[in-house]
Amino acid sequence: MKNRTIIAAALMSAVATASLAQTTPSPQGNTPAIATPDSQNPTAPVAGANSFTEAQAKKRIEEAGYTDVSGLKLDDKGVWQAIAMKDGKSVSVALDYQGNVTAQ
């Protein structure tokens, strides 16, 4: 009976360890939880509850090198969408809840 208990505990431990190893969404294994100037989620823009205010969203987009940010709207996926200028061209940009700024 004692051997069965040890075997059962070992199997449960192995299953738990394997399930934890599968939580990394990025193929590189280094997806940041929050974007920084040096890192960005490769799957951005990421849908989710966005806590950026409109003013904060505009500032974050401008800090990413965009100017003349206009038409800023929060969409139904929690992603701020806008039109902005970069390198003399008008582009659609998005800001997700992680802080990732991407051109669309």
N, C-alpha and C. Protein backbone atom coordinates (compact mmCIF):
# COMPACT_ATOMS: atom_id res chain seq x y z
N MET A 1 0.82 -1.19 0.00
CA MET A 1 0.00 0.00 0.00
C MET A 1 0.87 1.26 0.00
N LYS A 2 1.97 1.21 0.75
CA LYS A 2 2.86 2.36 0.83
C LYS A 2 3.49 2.65 -0.54
N ASN A 3 3.82 1.58 -1.29
CA ASN A 3 4.42 1.75 -2.62
C ASN A 3 3.44 2.44 -3.57
N ARG A 4 2.17 2.09 -3.49
CA ARG A 4 1.16 2.71 -4.37
C ARG A 4 1.04 4.20 -4.08
N THR A 5 1.10 4.57 -2.81
CA THR A 5 1.02 5.97 -2.44
C THR A 5 2.21 6.75 -2.99
N ILE A 6 3.39 6.16 -2.91
CA ILE A 6 4.60 6.82 -3.43
C ILE A 6 4.51 6.96 -4.94
N ILE A 7 4.06 5.91 -5.61
CA ILE A 7 3.94 5.96 -7.07
C ILE A 7 2.90 7.00 -7.49
N ALA A 8 1.78 7.04 -6.81
CA ALA A 8 0.74 8.02 -7.12
C ALA A 8 1.25 9.44 -6.92
N ALA A 9 1.97 9.68 -5.85
CA ALA A 9 2.52 11.02 -5.59
C ALA A 9 3.53 11.40 -6.66
N ALA A 10 4.35 10.47 -7.10
CA ALA A 10 5.35 10.75 -8.13
C ALA A 10 4.67 11.08 -9.46
N LEU A 11 3.63 10.35 -9.81
CA LEU A 11 2.91 10.63 -11.05
C LEU A 11 2.23 11.99 -11.01
N MET A 12 1.62 12.33 -9.90
CA MET A 12 0.95 13.64 -9.78
C MET A 12 1.96 14.77 -9.88
N SER A 13 3.12 14.58 -9.31
CA SER A 13 4.18 15.59 -9.37
C SER A 13 4.65 15.78 -10.82
N ALA A 14 4.81 14.68 -11.55
CA ALA A 14 5.25 14.76 -12.94
C ALA A 14 4.23 15.47 -13.80
N VAL A 15 2.96 15.20 -13.60
CA VAL A 15 1.89 15.85 -14.37
C VAL A 15 1.86 17.35 -14.07
N ALA A 16 1.98 17.73 -12.83
CA ALA A 16 1.96 19.14 -12.45
C ALA A 16 3.14 19.88 -13.06
N THR A 17 4.32 19.28 -13.06
CA THR A 17 5.51 19.91 -13.64
C THR A 17 5.34 20.08 -15.14
N ALA A 18 4.81 19.10 -15.82
CA ALA A 18 4.62 19.18 -17.27
C ALA A 18 3.62 20.27 -17.63
N SER A 19 2.57 20.43 -16.85
CA SER A 19 1.58 21.46 -17.17
C SER A 19 2.13 22.85 -16.96
N LEU A 20 3.00 23.06 -16.00
CA LEU A 20 3.62 24.36 -15.78
C LEU A 20 4.55 24.73 -16.93
N ALA A 21 5.17 23.77 -17.53
CA ALA A 21 6.10 24.04 -18.61
C ALA A 21 5.39 24.49 -19.88
N GLN A 22 4.09 24.37 -19.97
CA GLN A 22 3.36 24.71 -21.18
C GLN A 22 2.69 26.07 -21.13
N THR A 23 3.08 26.95 -20.23
CA THR A 23 2.41 28.23 -20.08
C THR A 23 3.06 29.36 -20.87
N THR A 24 4.12 29.14 -21.59
CA THR A 24 4.82 30.18 -22.33
C THR A 24 4.22 30.34 -23.72
N PRO A 25 3.54 31.49 -24.00
CA PRO A 25 2.88 31.66 -25.28
C PRO A 25 3.80 32.01 -26.43
N SER A 26 4.98 32.51 -26.15
CA SER A 26 5.89 32.94 -27.20
C SER A 26 6.75 31.79 -27.70
N PRO A 27 6.96 31.68 -29.01
CA PRO A 27 7.84 30.63 -29.51
C PRO A 27 9.27 30.81 -29.00
N GLN A 28 9.65 32.05 -28.69
CA GLN A 28 10.98 32.31 -28.16
C GLN A 28 11.05 32.07 -26.65
N GLY A 29 9.90 31.97 -26.00
CA GLY A 29 9.88 31.73 -24.56
C GLY A 29 10.17 32.96 -23.73
N ASN A 30 10.06 34.16 -24.32
CA ASN A 30 10.42 35.36 -23.57
C ASN A 30 9.40 36.48 -23.73
N THR A 31 8.13 36.16 -23.82
CA THR A 31 7.09 37.16 -23.99
C THR A 31 6.99 38.02 -22.73
N PRO A 32 7.19 39.33 -22.84
CA PRO A 32 7.10 40.18 -21.66
C PRO A 32 5.65 40.41 -21.23
N ALA A 33 5.44 40.54 -19.94
CA ALA A 33 4.09 40.84 -19.44
C ALA A 33 3.72 42.28 -19.73
N ILE A 34 4.71 43.16 -19.70
CA ILE A 34 4.49 44.58 -19.96
C ILE A 34 5.57 45.04 -20.92
N ALA A 35 5.17 45.77 -21.94
CA ALA A 35 6.13 46.27 -22.92
C ALA A 35 7.02 47.33 -22.31
N THR A 36 8.27 47.33 -22.70
CA THR A 36 9.23 48.35 -22.31
C THR A 36 9.82 48.91 -23.61
N PRO A 37 10.59 49.99 -23.53
CA PRO A 37 11.18 50.50 -24.76
C PRO A 37 12.06 49.48 -25.48
N ASP A 38 12.60 48.49 -24.73
CA ASP A 38 13.48 47.50 -25.33
C ASP A 38 12.81 46.18 -25.67
N SER A 39 11.57 45.99 -25.24
CA SER A 39 10.89 44.72 -25.51
C SER A 39 9.42 44.94 -25.82
N GLN A 40 8.89 44.04 -26.62
CA GLN A 40 7.48 44.13 -26.99
C GLN A 40 6.98 42.72 -27.25
N ASN A 41 5.75 42.48 -26.90
CA ASN A 41 5.15 41.18 -27.13
C ASN A 41 5.06 40.94 -28.63
N PRO A 42 5.60 39.84 -29.13
CA PRO A 42 5.57 39.59 -30.57
C PRO A 42 4.17 39.35 -31.13
N THR A 43 3.20 39.11 -30.27
CA THR A 43 1.83 38.89 -30.73
C THR A 43 0.96 40.14 -30.58
N ALA A 44 1.59 41.30 -30.34
CA ALA A 44 0.86 42.55 -30.13
C ALA A 44 0.12 42.98 -31.38
N PRO A 45 -1.00 43.67 -31.27
CA PRO A 45 -1.63 44.10 -30.03
C PRO A 45 -2.42 42.94 -29.38
N VAL A 46 -2.36 42.90 -28.06
CA VAL A 46 -2.98 41.84 -27.29
C VAL A 46 -4.30 42.35 -26.71
N ALA A 47 -5.37 41.60 -26.92
CA ALA A 47 -6.68 41.98 -26.38
C ALA A 47 -6.69 41.78 -24.88
N GLY A 48 -7.37 42.67 -24.17
CA GLY A 48 -7.48 42.55 -22.72
C GLY A 48 -7.96 43.84 -22.11
N ALA A 49 -8.28 43.77 -20.83
CA ALA A 49 -8.79 44.94 -20.11
C ALA A 49 -7.70 46.02 -20.06
N ASN A 50 -7.95 47.14 -20.70
CA ASN A 50 -6.97 48.21 -20.81
C ASN A 50 -7.23 49.27 -19.75
N SER A 51 -6.20 49.61 -18.98
CA SER A 51 -6.35 50.61 -17.93
C SER A 51 -5.76 51.96 -18.30
N PHE A 52 -5.21 52.09 -19.52
CA PHE A 52 -4.70 53.39 -19.96
C PHE A 52 -5.86 54.35 -20.19
N THR A 53 -5.72 55.58 -19.68
CA THR A 53 -6.69 56.62 -20.01
C THR A 53 -6.40 57.09 -21.43
N GLU A 54 -7.29 57.88 -22.00
CA GLU A 54 -7.06 58.40 -23.35
C GLU A 54 -5.79 59.23 -23.40
N ALA A 55 -5.58 60.07 -22.39
CA ALA A 55 -4.37 60.92 -22.35
C ALA A 55 -3.11 60.06 -22.24
N GLN A 56 -3.16 59.03 -21.41
CA GLN A 56 -2.00 58.14 -21.25
C GLN A 56 -1.72 57.38 -22.54
N ALA A 57 -2.78 56.95 -23.21
CA ALA A 57 -2.62 56.22 -24.47
C ALA A 57 -1.96 57.11 -25.53
N LYS A 58 -2.43 58.35 -25.63
CA LYS A 58 -1.85 59.27 -26.60
C LYS A 58 -0.38 59.52 -26.29
N LYS A 59 -0.06 59.72 -25.02
CA LYS A 59 1.34 59.97 -24.62
C LYS A 59 2.22 58.76 -24.95
N ARG A 60 1.72 57.56 -24.67
CA ARG A 60 2.50 56.34 -24.93
C ARG A 60 2.77 56.18 -26.43
N ILE A 61 1.77 56.48 -27.25
CA ILE A 61 1.94 56.40 -28.71
C ILE A 61 2.96 57.43 -29.18
N GLU A 62 2.87 58.65 -28.65
CA GLU A 62 3.83 59.70 -29.01
C GLU A 62 5.25 59.33 -28.57
N GLU A 63 5.37 58.70 -27.40
CA GLU A 63 6.69 58.28 -26.92
C GLU A 63 7.30 57.20 -27.80
N ALA A 64 6.45 56.51 -28.56
CA ALA A 64 6.94 55.48 -29.48
C ALA A 64 7.36 56.09 -30.83
N GLY A 65 7.31 57.42 -30.94
CA GLY A 65 7.80 58.09 -32.14
C GLY A 65 6.74 58.55 -33.11
N TYR A 66 5.48 58.50 -32.73
CA TYR A 66 4.39 58.94 -33.60
C TYR A 66 3.99 60.37 -33.25
N THR A 67 3.53 61.11 -34.25
CA THR A 67 3.06 62.48 -34.04
C THR A 67 1.65 62.61 -34.59
N ASP A 68 1.03 63.75 -34.31
CA ASP A 68 -0.31 64.05 -34.81
C ASP A 68 -1.30 62.91 -34.57
N VAL A 69 -1.31 62.39 -33.35
CA VAL A 69 -2.21 61.28 -32.99
C VAL A 69 -3.64 61.81 -32.99
N SER A 70 -4.52 61.15 -33.76
CA SER A 70 -5.91 61.59 -33.84
C SER A 70 -6.85 60.39 -33.92
N GLY A 71 -8.13 60.65 -33.64
CA GLY A 71 -9.13 59.61 -33.72
C GLY A 71 -8.93 58.48 -32.73
N LEU A 72 -8.37 58.79 -31.58
CA LEU A 72 -8.05 57.77 -30.58
C LEU A 72 -9.33 57.21 -29.98
N LYS A 73 -9.52 55.90 -30.14
CA LYS A 73 -10.72 55.21 -29.64
C LYS A 73 -10.33 53.88 -29.04
N LEU A 74 -11.00 53.50 -27.95
CA LEU A 74 -10.80 52.20 -27.32
C LEU A 74 -11.77 51.21 -27.97
N ASP A 75 -11.26 50.16 -28.61
CA ASP A 75 -12.14 49.22 -29.30
C ASP A 75 -12.71 48.17 -28.33
N ASP A 76 -13.55 47.29 -28.86
CA ASP A 76 -14.22 46.29 -28.02
C ASP A 76 -13.29 45.20 -27.50
N LYS A 77 -12.04 45.16 -27.97
CA LYS A 77 -11.06 44.19 -27.48
C LYS A 77 -10.13 44.79 -26.43
N GLY A 78 -10.35 46.07 -26.08
CA GLY A 78 -9.51 46.73 -25.09
C GLY A 78 -8.24 47.30 -25.68
N VAL A 79 -8.22 47.53 -26.98
CA VAL A 79 -7.03 48.08 -27.65
C VAL A 79 -7.34 49.49 -28.13
N TRP A 80 -6.47 50.44 -27.76
CA TRP A 80 -6.61 51.81 -28.26
C TRP A 80 -6.20 51.84 -29.72
N GLN A 81 -7.02 52.43 -30.58
CA GLN A 81 -6.75 52.55 -32.01
C GLN A 81 -6.70 54.03 -32.37
N ALA A 82 -5.77 54.41 -33.26
CA ALA A 82 -5.64 55.81 -33.67
C ALA A 82 -5.00 55.89 -35.05
N ILE A 83 -5.01 57.10 -35.58
CA ILE A 83 -4.27 57.43 -36.80
C ILE A 83 -3.17 58.39 -36.35
N ALA A 84 -1.96 58.18 -36.85
CA ALA A 84 -0.84 59.03 -36.45
C ALA A 84 0.15 59.14 -37.62
N MET A 85 1.10 60.03 -37.47
CA MET A 85 2.13 60.23 -38.48
C MET A 85 3.46 59.67 -37.97
N LYS A 86 4.17 59.00 -38.88
CA LYS A 86 5.53 58.55 -38.58
C LYS A 86 6.31 58.52 -39.88
N ASP A 87 7.49 59.09 -39.86
CA ASP A 87 8.34 59.16 -41.05
C ASP A 87 7.61 59.78 -42.24
N GLY A 88 6.77 60.80 -41.96
CA GLY A 88 6.05 61.50 -43.00
C GLY A 88 4.86 60.77 -43.59
N LYS A 89 4.48 59.64 -42.99
CA LYS A 89 3.36 58.86 -43.51
C LYS A 89 2.28 58.71 -42.44
N SER A 90 1.03 58.70 -42.88
CA SER A 90 -0.10 58.46 -42.00
C SER A 90 -0.27 56.95 -41.83
N VAL A 91 -0.34 56.50 -40.57
CA VAL A 91 -0.47 55.07 -40.29
C VAL A 91 -1.52 54.84 -39.20
N SER A 92 -2.10 53.66 -39.21
CA SER A 92 -2.97 53.24 -38.11
C SER A 92 -2.08 52.64 -37.04
N VAL A 93 -2.32 53.04 -35.80
CA VAL A 93 -1.53 52.50 -34.69
C VAL A 93 -2.46 51.93 -33.63
N ALA A 94 -1.92 51.02 -32.86
CA ALA A 94 -2.68 50.39 -31.78
C ALA A 94 -1.82 50.36 -30.51
N LEU A 95 -2.49 50.50 -29.37
CA LEU A 95 -1.84 50.39 -28.06
C LEU A 95 -2.64 49.40 -27.25
N ASP A 96 -2.01 48.30 -26.83
CA ASP A 96 -2.73 47.31 -26.04
C ASP A 96 -2.51 47.52 -24.54
N TYR A 97 -3.16 46.68 -23.73
CA TYR A 97 -3.09 46.84 -22.28
C TYR A 97 -1.70 46.61 -21.72
N GLN A 98 -0.83 45.92 -22.47
CA GLN A 98 0.54 45.68 -22.02
C GLN A 98 1.45 46.86 -22.32
N GLY A 99 0.95 47.81 -23.10
CA GLY A 99 1.76 48.97 -23.48
C GLY A 99 2.44 48.83 -24.82
N ASN A 100 2.15 47.76 -25.55
CA ASN A 100 2.72 47.56 -26.88
C ASN A 100 2.11 48.55 -27.86
N VAL A 101 2.94 49.28 -28.59
CA VAL A 101 2.48 50.19 -29.64
C VAL A 101 2.87 49.56 -30.96
N THR A 102 1.88 49.33 -31.83
CA THR A 102 2.15 48.69 -33.11
C THR A 102 1.48 49.45 -34.23
N ALA A 103 2.13 49.48 -35.40
CA ALA A 103 1.53 50.02 -36.61
C ALA A 103 0.72 48.92 -37.24
N GLN A 104 -0.45 49.28 -37.72
CA GLN A 104 -1.36 48.28 -38.31
C GLN A 104 -1.27 48.31 -39.81
